[in-house]
Protein backbone atom coordinates (compact mmCIF):
# COMPACT_ATOMS: atom_id res chain seq x y z
CA UNK A 1 -47.42 43.92 32.09
CA UNK A 2 -50.33 44.03 29.96
CA UNK A 3 -48.74 44.77 27.08
CA UNK A 4 -46.96 41.57 27.22
CA UNK A 5 -50.00 39.55 28.23
CA UNK A 6 -48.12 37.86 31.16
CA UNK A 7 -51.42 38.35 33.40
CA UNK A 8 -54.11 37.37 31.17
CA UNK A 9 -52.19 34.30 30.37
CA UNK A 10 -50.82 35.57 27.27
CA UNK A 11 -47.94 34.47 27.64
CA UNK A 12 -48.60 30.41 27.23
CA UNK A 13 -49.86 31.95 24.02
CA UNK A 14 -46.17 32.99 22.95
CA UNK A 15 -45.03 29.58 24.47
CA UNK A 16 -46.99 27.84 22.51
CA UNK A 17 -46.06 29.32 19.21
CA UNK A 18 -42.80 28.41 19.60
CA UNK A 19 -42.92 25.63 19.62
CA UNK A 20 -45.12 25.14 15.71
CA UNK A 21 -42.61 25.31 13.23
CA UNK A 22 -42.64 27.61 10.23
CA UNK A 23 -42.88 25.73 6.77
CA UNK A 24 -41.27 28.55 4.77
CA UNK A 25 -38.30 28.52 7.06
CA UNK A 26 -38.28 24.68 7.15
CA UNK A 27 -38.42 24.75 3.24
CA UNK A 28 -35.64 27.79 2.51
CA UNK A 29 -33.56 25.47 5.18
CA UNK A 30 -34.19 22.47 3.14
CA UNK A 31 -33.07 24.15 0.62
CA UNK A 32 -30.17 25.48 1.59
CA UNK A 33 -28.94 21.90 2.68
CA UNK A 34 -29.42 20.70 -0.71
CA UNK A 35 -27.59 23.55 -2.37
CA UNK A 36 -24.70 23.17 0.78
CA UNK A 37 -24.84 19.43 -0.83
CA UNK A 38 -24.45 20.15 -4.80
CA UNK A 39 -21.97 22.96 -3.86
CA UNK A 40 -19.75 20.71 -2.04
CA UNK A 41 -19.97 17.94 -4.70
CA UNK A 42 -19.23 20.04 -7.39
CA UNK A 43 -15.62 21.18 -5.54
CA UNK A 44 -15.24 17.89 -5.24
CA UNK A 45 -15.36 17.07 -8.49
CA UNK A 46 -13.42 20.30 -9.70
CA UNK A 47 -10.88 19.71 -7.48
CA UNK A 48 -7.49 18.54 -9.04
CA UNK A 49 -6.13 16.92 -5.78
CA UNK A 50 -9.31 14.62 -5.34
CA UNK A 51 -9.36 13.58 -9.18
CA UNK A 52 -5.25 12.71 -8.93
CA UNK A 53 -6.37 10.78 -5.79
CA UNK A 54 -8.80 9.01 -7.73
CA UNK A 55 -7.05 8.05 -10.98
CA UNK A 56 -4.09 6.80 -8.60
CA UNK A 57 -6.41 4.70 -6.57
CA UNK A 58 -8.02 3.11 -9.90
CA UNK A 59 -4.37 2.62 -11.80
CA UNK A 60 -3.45 1.00 -8.31
CA UNK A 61 -6.30 -1.14 -8.40
CA UNK A 62 -5.68 -2.29 -12.33
CA UNK A 63 -1.85 -3.16 -11.57
CA UNK A 64 -3.36 -5.39 -8.37
CA UNK A 65 -3.41 -9.23 -9.46
CA UNK A 66 -7.77 -10.14 -9.56
CA UNK A 67 -7.41 -12.07 -5.90
CA UNK A 68 -6.06 -8.63 -4.47
CA UNK A 69 -8.29 -6.75 -6.40
CA UNK A 70 -11.63 -8.73 -4.88
CA UNK A 71 -10.49 -8.60 -1.58
CA UNK A 72 -9.97 -4.95 -1.24
CA UNK A 73 -13.31 -4.30 -2.97
CA UNK A 74 -14.67 -6.36 -0.63
CA UNK A 75 -12.74 -4.62 2.40
CA UNK A 76 -14.46 -1.03 0.48
CA UNK A 77 -17.83 -2.75 0.51
CA UNK A 78 -17.98 -3.97 4.38
CA UNK A 79 -16.30 -1.41 5.28
CA UNK A 80 -18.30 1.17 3.85
CA UNK A 81 -21.95 1.03 6.23
CA UNK A 82 -22.47 0.32 9.44
CA UNK A 83 -23.89 -3.48 9.60
CA UNK A 84 -21.06 -4.28 7.58
CA UNK A 85 -18.39 -2.90 10.04
CA UNK A 86 -20.20 -4.81 12.62
CA UNK A 87 -20.30 -8.14 10.76
CA UNK A 88 -16.60 -7.44 10.35
CA UNK A 89 -16.12 -6.91 13.96
CA UNK A 90 -17.57 -9.41 15.22
CA UNK A 91 -16.36 -12.21 12.15
CA UNK A 92 -12.80 -11.08 13.59
CA UNK A 93 -13.82 -11.46 17.16
CA UNK A 94 -14.92 -15.10 17.04
CA UNK A 95 -11.78 -15.74 14.82
CA UNK A 96 -9.59 -14.38 17.95
CA UNK A 97 -11.83 -16.21 20.68
CA UNK A 98 -11.16 -19.41 18.53
CA UNK A 99 -8.02 -19.40 18.24
CA UNK A 100 -7.12 -18.41 21.94
CA UNK A 101 -9.83 -20.61 23.51
CA UNK A 102 -8.05 -24.10 21.29
CA UNK A 103 -4.54 -22.45 22.42
CA UNK A 104 -5.63 -22.17 25.91
CA UNK A 105 -7.06 -26.19 25.51
CA UNK A 106 -4.05 -27.47 23.64
CA UNK A 107 -1.92 -25.82 26.80
CA UNK A 108 -4.30 -26.70 29.45
CA UNK A 109 -5.96 -30.07 28.82
CA UNK A 110 -3.12 -32.41 27.67
CA UNK A 111 -4.58 -35.35 29.47
CA UNK A 112 -7.22 -35.45 26.46
CA UNK A 113 -3.75 -36.21 23.97
CA UNK A 114 -2.44 -39.51 25.89
């Protein structure tokens, strides 16, 4: 009834207020996300397994010849972000298509060679 404000349209006011964001709540949420991120970074920095893995990765990179090291680092850069992965996928698809079309043409269009 009247206490909930349904009869006089007060419900519309309550629904309208639900859409308004509370700046205090959003700043608290933002601080919690920042704290969570820093806690995860700290835990990773003191994790002995993560340190061992990184040390082994660096050791293996140092053992590689320079050409292999450049290829590994280039692969890491290309695969690290979305546009790099998209470029790599497009490039590999294009190369495969070129090989397939070249093979098809070589087997089905022999009259050009004679």
